[in-house]
N, C-alpha and C. Protein backbone atom coordinates (compact mmCIF):
# COMPACT_ATOMS: atom_id res chain seq x y z
N MET A 1 2.55 -11.62 -12.29
CA MET A 1 2.17 -10.80 -11.15
C MET A 1 3.42 -10.50 -10.33
N GLN A 2 3.46 -9.31 -9.84
CA GLN A 2 4.57 -8.87 -9.00
C GLN A 2 3.99 -8.26 -7.72
N ARG A 3 4.79 -8.27 -6.68
CA ARG A 3 4.38 -7.71 -5.40
C ARG A 3 4.86 -6.26 -5.31
N PHE A 4 3.98 -5.39 -4.78
CA PHE A 4 4.30 -3.97 -4.61
C PHE A 4 3.92 -3.53 -3.21
N LEU A 5 4.73 -2.66 -2.65
CA LEU A 5 4.40 -1.99 -1.40
C LEU A 5 3.87 -0.62 -1.80
N ILE A 6 2.67 -0.29 -1.34
CA ILE A 6 2.05 0.99 -1.67
C ILE A 6 1.73 1.73 -0.38
N SER A 7 2.17 2.97 -0.32
CA SER A 7 1.95 3.80 0.86
C SER A 7 1.49 5.18 0.40
N TYR A 8 0.60 5.77 1.17
CA TYR A 8 0.15 7.12 0.84
C TYR A 8 0.09 7.98 2.09
N ASP A 9 0.19 9.28 1.88
CA ASP A 9 -0.01 10.29 2.92
C ASP A 9 -0.94 11.31 2.30
N ILE A 10 -2.22 11.21 2.64
CA ILE A 10 -3.25 12.05 2.03
C ILE A 10 -3.96 12.82 3.13
N SER A 11 -4.02 14.14 2.99
CA SER A 11 -4.57 14.99 4.06
C SER A 11 -6.10 15.00 4.11
N SER A 12 -6.77 14.89 2.99
CA SER A 12 -8.23 14.92 2.95
C SER A 12 -8.80 13.59 3.44
N ASN A 13 -9.67 13.65 4.43
CA ASN A 13 -10.29 12.42 4.96
C ASN A 13 -11.04 11.66 3.88
N LYS A 14 -11.80 12.38 3.06
CA LYS A 14 -12.59 11.74 2.00
C LYS A 14 -11.69 11.04 0.99
N SER A 15 -10.64 11.73 0.55
CA SER A 15 -9.71 11.14 -0.42
C SER A 15 -8.95 9.97 0.19
N ARG A 16 -8.57 10.09 1.46
CA ARG A 16 -7.84 9.02 2.14
C ARG A 16 -8.71 7.77 2.26
N ARG A 17 -9.98 7.95 2.60
CA ARG A 17 -10.91 6.80 2.70
C ARG A 17 -11.08 6.14 1.33
N TYR A 18 -11.15 6.95 0.28
CA TYR A 18 -11.31 6.39 -1.06
C TYR A 18 -10.06 5.60 -1.48
N ALA A 19 -8.89 6.14 -1.19
CA ALA A 19 -7.64 5.43 -1.50
C ALA A 19 -7.59 4.11 -0.74
N ALA A 20 -7.99 4.13 0.53
CA ALA A 20 -8.01 2.91 1.34
C ALA A 20 -8.98 1.89 0.74
N LYS A 21 -10.13 2.35 0.30
CA LYS A 21 -11.13 1.45 -0.29
C LYS A 21 -10.57 0.78 -1.55
N ILE A 22 -9.91 1.57 -2.39
CA ILE A 22 -9.30 1.02 -3.61
C ILE A 22 -8.30 -0.08 -3.26
N LEU A 23 -7.42 0.22 -2.33
CA LEU A 23 -6.33 -0.71 -2.00
C LEU A 23 -6.81 -1.91 -1.20
N LYS A 24 -7.80 -1.74 -0.32
CA LYS A 24 -8.32 -2.87 0.46
C LYS A 24 -8.95 -3.92 -0.45
N ASN A 25 -9.52 -3.48 -1.57
CA ASN A 25 -10.16 -4.41 -2.49
C ASN A 25 -9.18 -5.27 -3.27
N ILE A 26 -7.92 -4.84 -3.36
CA ILE A 26 -6.97 -5.57 -4.18
C ILE A 26 -5.72 -6.02 -3.45
N GLY A 27 -5.55 -5.57 -2.20
CA GLY A 27 -4.32 -5.90 -1.48
C GLY A 27 -4.56 -6.17 -0.02
N GLU A 28 -3.49 -6.24 0.71
CA GLU A 28 -3.55 -6.50 2.15
C GLU A 28 -2.98 -5.29 2.89
N ARG A 29 -3.78 -4.78 3.82
CA ARG A 29 -3.36 -3.64 4.62
C ARG A 29 -2.40 -4.13 5.69
N ILE A 30 -1.20 -3.53 5.75
CA ILE A 30 -0.24 -3.92 6.79
C ILE A 30 -0.01 -2.81 7.80
N GLN A 31 -0.38 -1.59 7.46
CA GLN A 31 -0.44 -0.46 8.38
C GLN A 31 -1.57 0.43 7.90
N ARG A 32 -1.87 1.49 8.62
CA ARG A 32 -3.01 2.33 8.26
C ARG A 32 -2.96 2.81 6.81
N SER A 33 -1.82 3.21 6.33
CA SER A 33 -1.74 3.71 4.95
C SER A 33 -0.68 2.97 4.15
N VAL A 34 -0.44 1.71 4.49
CA VAL A 34 0.56 0.89 3.81
C VAL A 34 -0.08 -0.45 3.43
N TYR A 35 0.07 -0.80 2.16
CA TYR A 35 -0.55 -2.01 1.63
C TYR A 35 0.46 -2.82 0.83
N ILE A 36 0.24 -4.12 0.80
CA ILE A 36 0.95 -5.02 -0.11
C ILE A 36 -0.05 -5.44 -1.18
N VAL A 37 0.34 -5.24 -2.43
CA VAL A 37 -0.55 -5.55 -3.54
C VAL A 37 0.21 -6.43 -4.53
N GLU A 38 -0.43 -7.48 -4.99
CA GLU A 38 0.12 -8.30 -6.07
C GLU A 38 -0.65 -7.95 -7.33
N SER A 39 0.08 -7.48 -8.34
CA SER A 39 -0.57 -7.01 -9.55
C SER A 39 0.41 -7.03 -10.71
N THR A 40 -0.12 -6.77 -11.87
CA THR A 40 0.71 -6.58 -13.06
C THR A 40 1.14 -5.12 -13.11
N GLU A 41 2.11 -4.82 -13.97
CA GLU A 41 2.54 -3.43 -14.16
C GLU A 41 1.37 -2.57 -14.62
N LYS A 42 0.55 -3.10 -15.51
CA LYS A 42 -0.61 -2.35 -16.02
C LYS A 42 -1.62 -2.08 -14.90
N GLY A 43 -1.83 -3.07 -14.03
CA GLY A 43 -2.73 -2.88 -12.90
C GLY A 43 -2.22 -1.82 -11.93
N ILE A 44 -0.91 -1.84 -11.68
CA ILE A 44 -0.30 -0.85 -10.79
C ILE A 44 -0.39 0.54 -11.40
N GLU A 45 -0.21 0.63 -12.71
CA GLU A 45 -0.34 1.92 -13.39
C GLU A 45 -1.74 2.49 -13.21
N HIS A 46 -2.75 1.62 -13.30
CA HIS A 46 -4.14 2.03 -13.10
C HIS A 46 -4.36 2.52 -11.66
N ILE A 47 -3.85 1.78 -10.69
CA ILE A 47 -3.97 2.18 -9.28
C ILE A 47 -3.27 3.51 -9.05
N ASN A 48 -2.07 3.64 -9.59
CA ASN A 48 -1.31 4.89 -9.45
C ASN A 48 -2.11 6.07 -10.01
N ASN A 49 -2.71 5.89 -11.17
CA ASN A 49 -3.50 6.97 -11.77
C ASN A 49 -4.71 7.32 -10.92
N GLN A 50 -5.41 6.31 -10.41
CA GLN A 50 -6.60 6.56 -9.58
C GLN A 50 -6.25 7.35 -8.32
N ILE A 51 -5.21 6.90 -7.62
CA ILE A 51 -4.87 7.54 -6.35
C ILE A 51 -4.18 8.88 -6.58
N SER A 52 -3.37 9.00 -7.61
CA SER A 52 -2.70 10.27 -7.90
C SER A 52 -3.70 11.39 -8.14
N GLU A 53 -4.86 11.05 -8.70
CA GLU A 53 -5.91 12.05 -8.92
C GLU A 53 -6.44 12.63 -7.62
N LEU A 54 -6.28 11.90 -6.51
CA LEU A 54 -6.78 12.35 -5.21
C LEU A 54 -5.81 13.28 -4.50
N LEU A 55 -4.55 13.29 -4.94
CA LEU A 55 -3.52 14.01 -4.21
C LEU A 55 -3.65 15.53 -4.34
N GLU A 56 -3.42 16.19 -3.22
CA GLU A 56 -3.39 17.64 -3.16
C GLU A 56 -1.97 18.06 -2.77
N ASP A 57 -1.76 19.37 -2.62
CA ASP A 57 -0.44 19.86 -2.20
C ASP A 57 0.04 19.14 -0.95
N ASN A 58 1.27 18.74 -0.94
CA ASN A 58 1.95 18.07 0.18
C ASN A 58 1.48 16.64 0.44
N ASP A 59 0.56 16.10 -0.36
CA ASP A 59 0.18 14.69 -0.25
C ASP A 59 1.21 13.87 -1.03
N SER A 60 1.26 12.57 -0.77
CA SER A 60 2.22 11.73 -1.49
C SER A 60 1.72 10.31 -1.65
N LEU A 61 2.29 9.64 -2.64
CA LEU A 61 2.00 8.24 -2.93
C LEU A 61 3.31 7.57 -3.28
N LEU A 62 3.58 6.43 -2.66
CA LEU A 62 4.77 5.64 -2.95
C LEU A 62 4.33 4.27 -3.44
N VAL A 63 4.82 3.88 -4.60
CA VAL A 63 4.58 2.54 -5.15
C VAL A 63 5.95 1.92 -5.35
N LEU A 64 6.26 0.91 -4.55
CA LEU A 64 7.59 0.32 -4.53
C LEU A 64 7.52 -1.14 -4.94
N PRO A 65 8.12 -1.53 -6.07
CA PRO A 65 8.14 -2.94 -6.44
C PRO A 65 9.03 -3.73 -5.48
N CYS A 66 8.60 -4.93 -5.17
CA CYS A 66 9.36 -5.80 -4.24
C CYS A 66 9.67 -7.11 -4.95
N CYS A 67 10.92 -7.29 -5.36
CA CYS A 67 11.30 -8.55 -5.99
C CYS A 67 11.23 -9.68 -4.96
N ALA A 68 11.14 -10.90 -5.42
CA ALA A 68 11.02 -12.06 -4.52
C ALA A 68 12.19 -12.14 -3.55
N SER A 69 13.39 -11.87 -4.03
CA SER A 69 14.58 -11.93 -3.18
C SER A 69 14.50 -10.89 -2.06
N CYS A 70 14.10 -9.67 -2.40
CA CYS A 70 13.97 -8.62 -1.39
C CYS A 70 12.84 -8.93 -0.41
N TRP A 71 11.73 -9.45 -0.93
CA TRP A 71 10.59 -9.77 -0.07
C TRP A 71 10.97 -10.85 0.95
N ASP A 72 11.77 -11.82 0.53
CA ASP A 72 12.20 -12.88 1.43
C ASP A 72 13.06 -12.35 2.57
N LYS A 73 13.72 -11.21 2.38
CA LYS A 73 14.57 -10.61 3.40
C LYS A 73 13.84 -9.60 4.27
N ALA A 74 12.59 -9.30 3.94
CA ALA A 74 11.82 -8.29 4.67
C ALA A 74 11.51 -8.77 6.09
N LEU A 75 11.49 -7.83 7.01
CA LEU A 75 11.12 -8.09 8.40
C LEU A 75 9.81 -7.36 8.67
N PHE A 76 8.92 -8.01 9.38
CA PHE A 76 7.63 -7.43 9.69
C PHE A 76 7.22 -7.87 11.08
N ALA A 77 6.82 -6.94 11.91
CA ALA A 77 6.36 -7.26 13.25
C ALA A 77 5.15 -6.38 13.57
N ARG A 78 4.19 -6.94 14.30
CA ARG A 78 3.04 -6.15 14.75
C ARG A 78 2.49 -6.74 16.05
N MET A 79 1.87 -5.89 16.82
CA MET A 79 1.21 -6.33 18.04
C MET A 79 -0.23 -6.70 17.70
N GLU A 80 -0.65 -7.84 18.18
CA GLU A 80 -2.03 -8.26 17.98
C GLU A 80 -2.52 -8.89 19.27
N LYS A 81 -3.44 -8.24 19.93
CA LYS A 81 -4.00 -8.73 21.19
C LYS A 81 -2.89 -9.07 22.18
N ASP A 82 -1.97 -8.11 22.39
CA ASP A 82 -0.86 -8.24 23.34
C ASP A 82 0.14 -9.32 22.98
N ILE A 83 0.14 -9.75 21.72
CA ILE A 83 1.13 -10.75 21.25
C ILE A 83 1.93 -10.12 20.12
N LEU A 84 3.24 -10.19 20.21
CA LEU A 84 4.10 -9.67 19.15
C LEU A 84 4.25 -10.74 18.08
N LEU A 85 3.80 -10.41 16.86
CA LEU A 85 3.94 -11.33 15.73
C LEU A 85 5.08 -10.85 14.85
N VAL A 86 6.02 -11.73 14.56
CA VAL A 86 7.18 -11.38 13.73
C VAL A 86 7.21 -12.32 12.55
N ALA A 87 7.38 -11.73 11.35
CA ALA A 87 7.45 -12.56 10.14
C ALA A 87 8.68 -12.17 9.36
């Protein structure tokens, strides 16, 4: 299993909700259209195919593999109930 950062920019509300549903079932949402997913290459290929079918003109999908070394160097911060969480 490998970790992937997946992000999409989809203009259709229906398609965007469907993409979110797919990714919420297998990964962790870290922003509205950004997810961390742990999967095999074959699993990611399947996800890529499913979401790519939803894309229209000017929509986009980014699937970025994150090696363990790069992931350990990643910075992440978010506000939660007026508290800044940094990881």
